[in-house]
Amino acid sequence: MDCERCKAPLRDEEAYDLHGKVLCEDCYMYETNPPKACDPMAVASALSVRKQLGQTGNSGLNELQQRIYDTVEKHGKITKEDLAKILNVKPEQLEQEFAFFRHCELLRAFREDGKVYFTKWENKNLHNILKD
């Protein structure tokens, strides 16, 4: 059998049932507890931990996070779909990583021409957007 969401092959003991849908563990976790990018407590916590660890900028990122950060930096702005395609990652995985980046105030999202883009976090740009 296959996961009804991501189509990954599953053995019976790996399958989770959610409202009649058969899901893999990753899709089950995503459906029952999706990442939340806008969470003030998570932002405060992430910034505090990074400060305690002496992490600034892109220091302390794992390999995938560094690839995401570098790709966004290279493009300036990029849609979630294009970023997932370039990095060959599932959209759910990208959303989880984006929540981390947002909490650490390293990347942010914005809407332009009906599309959502990721870009580097720059307080001066955010300030200008909020002023308009």
Protein backbone atom coordinates (compact mmCIF):
# COMPACT_ATOMS: atom_id res chain seq x y z
CA MET A 1 0.00 0.00 0.00
CA ASP A 2 1.05 3.63 -0.49
CA CYS A 3 0.66 6.77 1.61
CA GLU A 4 -2.37 8.62 0.25
CA ARG A 5 -0.63 11.97 0.67
CA CYS A 6 2.98 11.53 -0.55
CA LYS A 7 2.56 8.18 -2.35
CA ALA A 8 5.49 6.56 -0.49
CA PRO A 9 5.25 2.76 -0.28
CA LEU A 10 4.22 1.48 3.18
CA ARG A 11 4.20 -1.80 5.03
CA ASP A 12 1.11 -2.50 7.15
CA GLU A 13 2.98 -1.81 10.40
CA GLU A 14 4.14 1.61 9.08
CA ALA A 15 0.66 2.87 8.15
CA TYR A 16 -1.29 5.42 10.17
CA ASP A 17 -5.02 5.98 9.79
CA LEU A 18 -6.28 9.56 9.90
CA HIS A 19 -9.96 10.05 9.18
CA GLY A 20 -9.95 7.07 6.84
CA LYS A 21 -6.77 8.09 4.99
CA VAL A 22 -3.73 5.82 5.10
CA LEU A 23 -0.62 7.90 5.77
CA CYS A 24 3.09 7.40 6.39
CA GLU A 25 4.51 8.65 9.70
CA ASP A 26 5.81 11.92 8.21
CA CYS A 27 2.50 12.80 6.58
CA TYR A 28 0.58 11.79 9.72
CA MET A 29 2.76 14.10 11.84
CA TYR A 30 2.36 16.93 9.33
CA GLU A 31 -1.42 16.53 9.19
CA THR A 32 -1.86 16.35 12.96
CA ASN A 33 0.74 18.97 13.93
CA PRO A 34 1.63 21.29 11.02
CA PRO A 35 4.53 23.74 11.50
CA LYS A 36 3.60 27.25 12.61
CA ALA A 37 5.89 29.93 11.21
CA CYS A 38 4.21 32.80 13.07
CA ASP A 39 4.63 31.90 16.74
CA PRO A 40 5.92 34.72 18.97
CA MET A 41 6.95 32.36 21.77
CA ALA A 42 8.91 30.18 19.36
CA VAL A 43 10.64 33.29 17.98
CA ALA A 44 11.61 34.46 21.46
CA SER A 45 12.86 30.99 22.38
CA ALA A 46 14.83 30.48 19.15
CA LEU A 47 16.48 33.89 19.36
CA SER A 48 17.37 33.32 23.02
CA VAL A 49 18.90 29.90 22.36
CA ARG A 50 20.88 31.16 19.37
CA LYS A 51 22.18 34.05 21.45
CA GLN A 52 23.22 31.68 24.28
CA LEU A 53 25.02 29.48 21.75
CA GLY A 54 26.75 32.49 20.20
CA GLN A 55 25.09 31.84 16.84
CA THR A 56 24.60 34.74 14.46
CA GLY A 57 23.65 34.87 10.81
CA ASN A 58 23.69 31.43 9.25
CA SER A 59 25.96 29.82 11.87
CA GLY A 60 24.64 26.64 13.48
CA LEU A 61 22.60 25.47 10.48
CA ASN A 62 22.48 21.80 9.52
CA GLU A 63 23.32 20.73 5.96
CA LEU A 64 19.78 21.06 4.55
CA GLN A 65 19.22 24.37 6.31
CA GLN A 66 22.47 25.70 4.86
CA ARG A 67 21.42 24.60 1.36
CA ILE A 68 18.05 26.34 1.81
CA TYR A 69 19.68 29.52 3.11
CA ASP A 70 22.28 29.58 0.32
CA THR A 71 19.64 29.01 -2.38
CA VAL A 72 17.40 31.80 -1.06
CA GLU A 73 20.41 34.09 -0.76
CA LYS A 74 21.49 33.28 -4.34
CA HIS A 75 18.04 33.99 -5.81
CA GLY A 76 17.13 36.94 -3.58
CA LYS A 77 13.55 35.73 -3.56
CA ILE A 78 12.16 32.35 -4.53
CA THR A 79 8.82 30.59 -4.35
CA LYS A 80 8.38 27.63 -2.03
CA GLU A 81 7.61 25.43 -5.03
CA ASP A 82 10.77 26.42 -6.90
CA LEU A 83 12.90 26.01 -3.78
CA ALA A 84 11.47 22.53 -3.11
CA LYS A 85 12.14 21.56 -6.73
CA ILE A 86 15.72 22.87 -6.74
CA LEU A 87 16.58 21.14 -3.46
CA ASN A 88 14.51 18.02 -4.18
CA VAL A 89 12.69 18.11 -0.83
CA LYS A 90 9.06 17.54 0.07
CA PRO A 91 7.00 20.71 0.54
CA GLU A 92 6.19 19.58 4.11
CA GLN A 93 9.88 19.31 4.96
CA LEU A 94 10.48 22.75 3.51
CA GLU A 95 7.62 24.19 5.59
CA GLN A 96 9.13 22.71 8.76
CA GLU A 97 12.51 24.18 7.93
CA PHE A 98 10.95 27.52 7.02
CA ALA A 99 9.28 27.67 10.45
CA PHE A 100 12.76 27.28 11.97
CA PHE A 101 14.18 30.05 9.76
CA ARG A 102 11.25 32.34 10.58
CA HIS A 103 11.61 31.72 14.31
CA CYS A 104 15.33 32.56 14.08
CA GLU A 105 14.56 35.63 11.96
CA LEU A 106 16.83 34.37 9.17
CA LEU A 107 14.25 34.02 6.37
CA ARG A 108 10.78 35.41 5.88
CA ALA A 109 7.94 35.04 3.40
CA PHE A 110 6.04 37.70 1.51
CA ARG A 111 3.30 37.76 -1.11
CA GLU A 112 3.83 39.37 -4.50
CA ASP A 113 1.63 39.05 -7.60
CA GLY A 114 -0.38 36.28 -5.94
CA LYS A 115 2.68 34.15 -5.15
CA VAL A 116 4.43 33.53 -1.84
CA TYR A 117 8.19 34.07 -1.90
CA PHE A 118 10.94 33.30 0.59
CA THR A 119 13.69 35.85 1.10
CA LYS A 120 16.34 36.70 3.66
CA TRP A 121 15.18 38.35 6.85
CA GLU A 122 16.19 41.98 6.82
CA ASN A 123 14.68 44.16 9.52
CA LYS A 124 15.02 47.31 7.44
CA ASN A 125 12.91 45.77 4.63
CA LEU A 126 10.32 44.48 7.07
CA HIS A 127 10.13 47.93 8.67
CA ASN A 128 9.51 49.51 5.26
CA ILE A 129 6.78 46.99 4.45
CA LEU A 130 5.03 47.64 7.76
CA LYS A 131 5.22 51.41 7.19
CA ASP A 132 3.42 51.17 3.81
